[in-house]
């Protein structure tokens, strides 16, 4: 049974323990999944209402996307734990082993792959909330804001799992490529999440 199949109390307790997994990557994926779930919630509170009949087809499409993104992020909780195992083994290789550097480099690259995928997925969650903030039910507008904030936090959290691994890479050119993608995702989607939150707040405080 994977981490995403456990109950909330178990996951939180395991996260609080000294166990290596789940860690920050899995926590980021879970928080992102909750953000995506709020997108589905906003959609469910919008469809079927006469006021939003003209955007119902688009909202249904966004709900389908949100459901898929939530499922993907839950999968990535377990995947993040899986890619940590080779890295943990690599750190245990004696430093005088001639294969250590090669094995370590491959493990570090693999360990970067999942948080980057989490970040890419969260960018789509943030885009979804930005649109729902424009066309979704006004009664669920606060949930749009919460969803955007959760996705932003998860995006930033996942980026740290990229950077801690690229920092240890010997191939600085490849590390720079990975860091550049993470930076681009942060630049694009932190700003979009902040804009979405600000727009929601403006309406709620008007």
C-alpha atoms as a PDB file:
ATOM      1  CA  UNK A   1       0.000   0.000   0.000  1.00  0.00           C
ATOM      2  CA  UNK A   2       1.367   3.402  -0.976  1.00  0.00           C
ATOM      3  CA  UNK A   3       1.544   6.552   1.111  1.00  0.00           C
ATOM      4  CA  UNK A   4      -1.412   8.087  -0.721  1.00  0.00           C
ATOM      5  CA  UNK A   5      -3.588   5.163   0.414  1.00  0.00           C
ATOM      6  CA  UNK A   6      -2.998   5.871   4.100  1.00  0.00           C
ATOM      7  CA  UNK A   7      -5.235   8.003   6.258  1.00  0.00           C
ATOM      8  CA  UNK A   8      -4.353  11.594   7.081  1.00  0.00           C
ATOM      9  CA  UNK A   9      -3.350  10.913  10.691  1.00  0.00           C
ATOM     10  CA  UNK A  10      -0.997   8.091   9.666  1.00  0.00           C
ATOM     11  CA  UNK A  11       0.628  10.192   6.958  1.00  0.00           C
ATOM     12  CA  UNK A  12       1.142  13.162   9.273  1.00  0.00           C
ATOM     13  CA  UNK A  13       2.614  10.927  11.991  1.00  0.00           C
ATOM     14  CA  UNK A  14       4.964   9.240   9.527  1.00  0.00           C
ATOM     15  CA  UNK A  15       5.989  12.614   8.161  1.00  0.00           C
ATOM     16  CA  UNK A  16       6.787  13.756  11.703  1.00  0.00           C
ATOM     17  CA  UNK A  17       8.979  10.720  12.391  1.00  0.00           C
ATOM     18  CA  UNK A  18      12.662  10.258  11.612  1.00  0.00           C
ATOM     19  CA  UNK A  19      11.808   8.057   8.618  1.00  0.00           C
ATOM     20  CA  UNK A  20      13.417   9.335   5.434  1.00  0.00           C
ATOM     21  CA  UNK A  21      10.153   9.075   3.506  1.00  0.00           C
ATOM     22  CA  UNK A  22       7.710  10.611   3.153  1.00  0.00           C
ATOM     23  CA  UNK A  23       9.562  13.907   3.250  1.00  0.00           C
ATOM     24  CA  UNK A  24       9.283  17.353   1.791  1.00  0.00           C
ATOM     25  CA  UNK A  25       8.697  16.115  -1.731  1.00  0.00           C
ATOM     26  CA  UNK A  26       5.814  13.856  -0.760  1.00  0.00           C
ATOM     27  CA  UNK A  27       4.358  16.570   1.455  1.00  0.00           C
ATOM     28  CA  UNK A  28       4.508  19.022  -1.438  1.00  0.00           C
ATOM     29  CA  UNK A  29       2.722  16.587  -3.729  1.00  0.00           C
ATOM     30  CA  UNK A  30       0.010  16.019  -1.117  1.00  0.00           C
ATOM     31  CA  UNK A  31      -0.526  19.735  -0.561  1.00  0.00           C
ATOM     32  CA  UNK A  32      -0.698  20.196  -4.320  1.00  0.00           C
ATOM     33  CA  UNK A  33      -3.268  17.411  -4.592  1.00  0.00           C
ATOM     34  CA  UNK A  34      -5.417  19.233  -2.040  1.00  0.00           C
ATOM     35  CA  UNK A  35      -5.099  22.378  -4.135  1.00  0.00           C
ATOM     36  CA  UNK A  36      -6.261  20.478  -7.198  1.00  0.00           C
ATOM     37  CA  UNK A  37      -9.144  18.987  -5.209  1.00  0.00           C
ATOM     38  CA  UNK A  38     -10.350  22.493  -4.418  1.00  0.00           C
ATOM     39  CA  UNK A  39     -10.478  23.132  -8.158  1.00  0.00           C
ATOM     40  CA  UNK A  40     -12.863  20.192  -8.494  1.00  0.00           C
ATOM     41  CA  UNK A  41     -14.889  21.538  -5.588  1.00  0.00           C
ATOM     42  CA  UNK A  42     -15.255  24.949  -7.205  1.00  0.00           C
ATOM     43  CA  UNK A  43     -16.363  23.270 -10.402  1.00  0.00           C
ATOM     44  CA  UNK A  44     -18.933  21.147  -8.604  1.00  0.00           C
ATOM     45  CA  UNK A  45     -20.353  24.268  -6.977  1.00  0.00           C
ATOM     46  CA  UNK A  46     -20.560  26.006 -10.354  1.00  0.00           C
ATOM     47  CA  UNK A  47     -22.081  23.484 -12.773  1.00  0.00           C
ATOM     48  CA  UNK A  48     -25.837  23.177 -12.860  1.00  0.00           C
ATOM     49  CA  UNK A  49     -26.371  26.782 -11.844  1.00  0.00           C
ATOM     50  CA  UNK A  50     -28.318  28.908 -14.315  1.00  0.00           C
ATOM     51  CA  UNK A  51     -26.063  31.880 -13.670  1.00  0.00           C
ATOM     52  CA  UNK A  52     -23.068  29.954 -15.046  1.00  0.00           C
ATOM     53  CA  UNK A  53     -24.798  28.086 -17.873  1.00  0.00           C
ATOM     54  CA  UNK A  54     -22.740  29.846 -20.541  1.00  0.00           C
ATOM     55  CA  UNK A  55     -19.451  28.591 -19.044  1.00  0.00           C
ATOM     56  CA  UNK A  56     -20.639  25.177 -17.862  1.00  0.00           C
ATOM     57  CA  UNK A  57     -18.878  23.217 -20.607  1.00  0.00           C
ATOM     58  CA  UNK A  58     -15.578  24.918 -19.845  1.00  0.00           C
ATOM     59  CA  UNK A  59     -16.007  24.402 -16.121  1.00  0.00           C
ATOM     60  CA  UNK A  60     -16.707  20.709 -16.649  1.00  0.00           C
ATOM     61  CA  UNK A  61     -13.502  20.466 -18.689  1.00  0.00           C
ATOM     62  CA  UNK A  62     -11.593  22.197 -15.899  1.00  0.00           C
ATOM     63  CA  UNK A  63     -13.077  19.771 -13.372  1.00  0.00           C
ATOM     64  CA  UNK A  64     -11.876  16.840 -15.457  1.00  0.00           C
ATOM     65  CA  UNK A  65      -8.409  18.390 -15.564  1.00  0.00           C
ATOM     66  CA  UNK A  66      -8.463  18.974 -11.815  1.00  0.00           C
ATOM     67  CA  UNK A  67      -9.399  15.365 -11.145  1.00  0.00           C
ATOM     68  CA  UNK A  68      -6.530  14.169 -13.324  1.00  0.00           C
ATOM     69  CA  UNK A  69      -4.035  16.536 -11.724  1.00  0.00           C
ATOM     70  CA  UNK A  70      -5.088  15.444  -8.253  1.00  0.00           C
ATOM     71  CA  UNK A  71      -4.631  11.792  -9.189  1.00  0.00           C
ATOM     72  CA  UNK A  72      -1.223  12.503 -10.700  1.00  0.00           C
ATOM     73  CA  UNK A  73      -0.004  14.381  -7.640  1.00  0.00           C
ATOM     74  CA  UNK A  74      -1.109  11.543  -5.374  1.00  0.00           C
ATOM     75  CA  UNK A  75       0.867   9.134  -7.554  1.00  0.00           C
ATOM     76  CA  UNK A  76       3.899  11.396  -7.224  1.00  0.00           C
ATOM     77  CA  UNK A  77       3.857  11.074  -3.427  1.00  0.00           C
ATOM     78  CA  UNK A  78       4.838   7.426  -3.822  1.00  0.00           C
ATOM     79  CA  UNK A  79       7.098   8.073  -6.770  1.00  0.00           C
ATOM     80  CA  UNK A  80       9.062  10.614  -4.748  1.00  0.00           C
ATOM     81  CA  UNK A  81       9.680   8.003  -2.070  1.00  0.00           C
ATOM     82  CA  UNK A  82      10.746   5.472  -4.707  1.00  0.00           C
ATOM     83  CA  UNK A  83      13.411   7.699  -6.254  1.00  0.00           C
ATOM     84  CA  UNK A  84      14.878   8.506  -2.848  1.00  0.00           C
ATOM     85  CA  UNK A  85      15.878   4.892  -2.289  1.00  0.00           C
ATOM     86  CA  UNK A  86      18.647   4.781  -4.957  1.00  0.00           C
ATOM     87  CA  UNK A  87      20.002   8.075  -3.645  1.00  0.00           C
ATOM     88  CA  UNK A  88      20.048   6.773  -0.099  1.00  0.00           C
ATOM     89  CA  UNK A  89      21.981   3.710  -1.275  1.00  0.00           C
ATOM     90  CA  UNK A  90      24.393   5.883  -3.270  1.00  0.00           C
ATOM     91  CA  UNK A  91      25.266   7.962  -0.221  1.00  0.00           C
ATOM     92  CA  UNK A  92      26.171   4.706   1.508  1.00  0.00           C
ATOM     93  CA  UNK A  93      28.813   3.762  -1.107  1.00  0.00           C
ATOM     94  CA  UNK A  94      32.351   4.133   0.285  1.00  0.00           C
ATOM     95  CA  UNK A  95      34.011   7.322  -0.920  1.00  0.00           C
ATOM     96  CA  UNK A  96      36.976   5.403  -2.303  1.00  0.00           C
ATOM     97  CA  UNK A  97      34.756   3.264  -4.545  1.00  0.00           C
ATOM     98  CA  UNK A  98      35.583   4.184  -8.173  1.00  0.00           C
ATOM     99  CA  UNK A  99      31.930   3.825  -9.176  1.00  0.00           C
ATOM    100  CA  UNK A 100      30.598   6.099  -6.456  1.00  0.00           C
ATOM    101  CA  UNK A 101      30.603   9.334  -8.470  1.00  0.00           C
ATOM    102  CA  UNK A 102      28.823   7.757 -11.450  1.00  0.00           C
ATOM    103  CA  UNK A 103      26.186   6.054  -9.305  1.00  0.00           C
ATOM    104  CA  UNK A 104      25.682   9.177  -7.235  1.00  0.00           C
ATOM    105  CA  UNK A 105      25.209  11.343 -10.303  1.00  0.00           C
ATOM    106  CA  UNK A 106      22.542   9.045 -11.702  1.00  0.00           C
ATOM    107  CA  UNK A 107      20.752   8.863  -8.367  1.00  0.00           C
ATOM    108  CA  UNK A 108      20.790  12.642  -7.977  1.00  0.00           C
ATOM    109  CA  UNK A 109      19.378  13.101 -11.463  1.00  0.00           C
ATOM    110  CA  UNK A 110      16.616  10.597 -10.736  1.00  0.00           C
ATOM    111  CA  UNK A 111      15.865  12.292  -7.421  1.00  0.00           C
ATOM    112  CA  UNK A 112      15.392  15.603  -9.259  1.00  0.00           C
ATOM    113  CA  UNK A 113      12.983  14.131 -11.788  1.00  0.00           C
ATOM    114  CA  UNK A 114      10.005  13.744  -9.469  1.00  0.00           C
ATOM    115  CA  UNK A 115      10.025  17.177  -7.800  1.00  0.00           C
ATOM    116  CA  UNK A 116      10.346  18.706 -11.255  1.00  0.00           C
ATOM    117  CA  UNK A 117       7.327  16.708 -12.393  1.00  0.00           C
ATOM    118  CA  UNK A 118       5.481  17.843  -9.272  1.00  0.00           C
ATOM    119  CA  UNK A 119       6.330  21.436 -10.182  1.00  0.00           C
ATOM    120  CA  UNK A 120       5.129  21.038 -13.770  1.00  0.00           C
ATOM    121  CA  UNK A 121       1.878  19.529 -12.545  1.00  0.00           C
ATOM    122  CA  UNK A 122       1.371  22.303 -10.016  1.00  0.00           C
ATOM    123  CA  UNK A 123       1.800  24.900 -12.718  1.00  0.00           C
ATOM    124  CA  UNK A 124      -1.267  23.417 -14.377  1.00  0.00           C
ATOM    125  CA  UNK A 125      -3.158  23.481 -11.069  1.00  0.00           C
ATOM    126  CA  UNK A 126      -2.374  27.173 -10.673  1.00  0.00           C
ATOM    127  CA  UNK A 127      -3.491  27.893 -14.247  1.00  0.00           C
ATOM    128  CA  UNK A 128      -6.728  26.066 -13.500  1.00  0.00           C
ATOM    129  CA  UNK A 129      -7.429  28.171 -10.436  1.00  0.00           C
ATOM    130  CA  UNK A 130      -6.616  31.361 -12.296  1.00  0.00           C
ATOM    131  CA  UNK A 131      -9.344  30.524 -14.786  1.00  0.00           C
ATOM    132  CA  UNK A 132     -11.817  29.340 -12.157  1.00  0.00           C
ATOM    133  CA  UNK A 133     -11.297  32.641 -10.406  1.00  0.00           C
ATOM    134  CA  UNK A 134     -12.677  34.284 -13.526  1.00  0.00           C
ATOM    135  CA  UNK A 135     -15.615  32.002 -14.336  1.00  0.00           C
ATOM    136  CA  UNK A 136     -16.331  29.878 -11.268  1.00  0.00           C
ATOM    137  CA  UNK A 137     -19.066  30.367  -8.702  1.00  0.00           C
ATOM    138  CA  UNK A 138     -18.626  33.523  -6.659  1.00  0.00           C
ATOM    139  CA  UNK A 139     -19.790  31.540  -3.632  1.00  0.00           C
ATOM    140  CA  UNK A 140     -16.645  29.397  -3.948  1.00  0.00           C
ATOM    141  CA  UNK A 141     -14.237  32.233  -4.704  1.00  0.00           C
ATOM    142  CA  UNK A 142     -12.401  31.811  -1.415  1.00  0.00           C
ATOM    143  CA  UNK A 143     -11.722  28.184  -2.367  1.00  0.00           C
ATOM    144  CA  UNK A 144     -10.086  29.365  -5.574  1.00  0.00           C
ATOM    145  CA  UNK A 145      -7.773  31.500  -3.473  1.00  0.00           C
ATOM    146  CA  UNK A 146      -6.971  28.680  -1.087  1.00  0.00           C
ATOM    147  CA  UNK A 147      -6.314  26.324  -3.992  1.00  0.00           C
ATOM    148  CA  UNK A 148      -3.912  28.795  -5.586  1.00  0.00           C
ATOM    149  CA  UNK A 149      -2.092  29.361  -2.289  1.00  0.00           C
ATOM    150  CA  UNK A 150      -1.724  25.626  -1.625  1.00  0.00           C
ATOM    151  CA  UNK A 151      -0.442  24.985  -5.133  1.00  0.00           C
ATOM    152  CA  UNK A 152       2.051  27.840  -4.819  1.00  0.00           C
ATOM    153  CA  UNK A 153       3.378  26.527  -1.486  1.00  0.00           C
ATOM    154  CA  UNK A 154       3.678  23.035  -2.962  1.00  0.00           C
ATOM    155  CA  UNK A 155       5.473  24.422  -6.024  1.00  0.00           C
ATOM    156  CA  UNK A 156       8.003  26.246  -3.892  1.00  0.00           C
ATOM    157  CA  UNK A 157       8.433  23.233  -1.629  1.00  0.00           C
ATOM    158  CA  UNK A 158       9.094  20.895  -4.534  1.00  0.00           C
ATOM    159  CA  UNK A 159      11.675  23.322  -5.921  1.00  0.00           C
ATOM    160  CA  UNK A 160      13.762  22.931  -2.780  1.00  0.00           C
ATOM    161  CA  UNK A 161      13.980  19.191  -3.429  1.00  0.00           C
ATOM    162  CA  UNK A 162      15.337  19.990  -6.867  1.00  0.00           C
ATOM    163  CA  UNK A 163      17.916  22.445  -5.578  1.00  0.00           C
ATOM    164  CA  UNK A 164      19.216  20.282  -2.734  1.00  0.00           C
ATOM    165  CA  UNK A 165      20.005  17.559  -5.273  1.00  0.00           C
ATOM    166  CA  UNK A 166      21.433  19.753  -8.027  1.00  0.00           C
ATOM    167  CA  UNK A 167      23.731  21.312  -5.427  1.00  0.00           C
ATOM    168  CA  UNK A 168      25.436  17.929  -4.974  1.00  0.00           C
ATOM    169  CA  UNK A 169      25.813  17.162  -8.701  1.00  0.00           C
ATOM    170  CA  UNK A 170      29.227  16.966 -10.263  1.00  0.00           C
ATOM    171  CA  UNK A 171      27.910  17.719 -13.753  1.00  0.00           C
ATOM    172  CA  UNK A 172      27.337  21.423 -13.266  1.00  0.00           C
ATOM    173  CA  UNK A 173      26.065  21.924 -16.812  1.00  0.00           C
ATOM    174  CA  UNK A 174      23.249  19.433 -16.310  1.00  0.00           C
ATOM    175  CA  UNK A 175      22.560  20.790 -12.837  1.00  0.00           C
ATOM    176  CA  UNK A 176      22.197  24.260 -14.333  1.00  0.00           C
ATOM    177  CA  UNK A 177      19.689  22.968 -16.880  1.00  0.00           C
ATOM    178  CA  UNK A 178      17.542  21.432 -14.157  1.00  0.00           C
ATOM    179  CA  UNK A 179      17.800  24.557 -12.021  1.00  0.00           C
ATOM    180  CA  UNK A 180      16.845  26.739 -14.982  1.00  0.00           C
ATOM    181  CA  UNK A 181      13.646  24.766 -15.537  1.00  0.00           C
ATOM    182  CA  UNK A 182      12.769  24.983 -11.850  1.00  0.00           C
ATOM    183  CA  UNK A 183      13.466  28.716 -11.854  1.00  0.00           C
ATOM    184  CA  UNK A 184      11.266  29.229 -14.919  1.00  0.00           C
ATOM    185  CA  UNK A 185       8.412  27.339 -13.275  1.00  0.00           C
ATOM    186  CA  UNK A 186       8.796  29.406 -10.106  1.00  0.00           C
ATOM    187  CA  UNK A 187       8.953  32.696 -11.998  1.00  0.00           C
ATOM    188  CA  UNK A 188       5.851  31.901 -14.032  1.00  0.00           C
ATOM    189  CA  UNK A 189       3.587  30.234 -11.539  1.00  0.00           C
ATOM    190  CA  UNK A 190       4.396  31.939  -8.249  1.00  0.00           C
ATOM    191  CA  UNK A 191       3.457  35.191  -9.962  1.00  0.00           C
ATOM    192  CA  UNK A 192       0.248  33.704 -11.382  1.00  0.00           C
ATOM    193  CA  UNK A 193      -0.722  32.246  -8.000  1.00  0.00           C
ATOM    194  CA  UNK A 194      -0.034  35.572  -6.316  1.00  0.00           C
ATOM    195  CA  UNK A 195      -2.131  37.401  -8.898  1.00  0.00           C
ATOM    196  CA  UNK A 196      -4.984  34.932  -8.439  1.00  0.00           C
ATOM    197  CA  UNK A 197      -4.855  35.281  -4.667  1.00  0.00           C
ATOM    198  CA  UNK A 198      -4.735  39.076  -4.906  1.00  0.00           C
ATOM    199  CA  UNK A 199      -7.753  39.153  -7.224  1.00  0.00           C
ATOM    200  CA  UNK A 200      -9.725  36.888  -4.899  1.00  0.00           C
ATOM    201  CA  UNK A 201      -8.783  38.985  -1.883  1.00  0.00           C
ATOM    202  CA  UNK A 202      -9.757  42.196  -3.615  1.00  0.00           C
ATOM    203  CA  UNK A 203     -13.246  40.854  -4.312  1.00  0.00           C
ATOM    204  CA  UNK A 204     -13.696  39.406  -0.832  1.00  0.00           C
ATOM    205  CA  UNK A 205     -12.542  42.578   0.914  1.00  0.00           C
ATOM    206  CA  UNK A 206     -14.432  45.007  -1.309  1.00  0.00           C
END
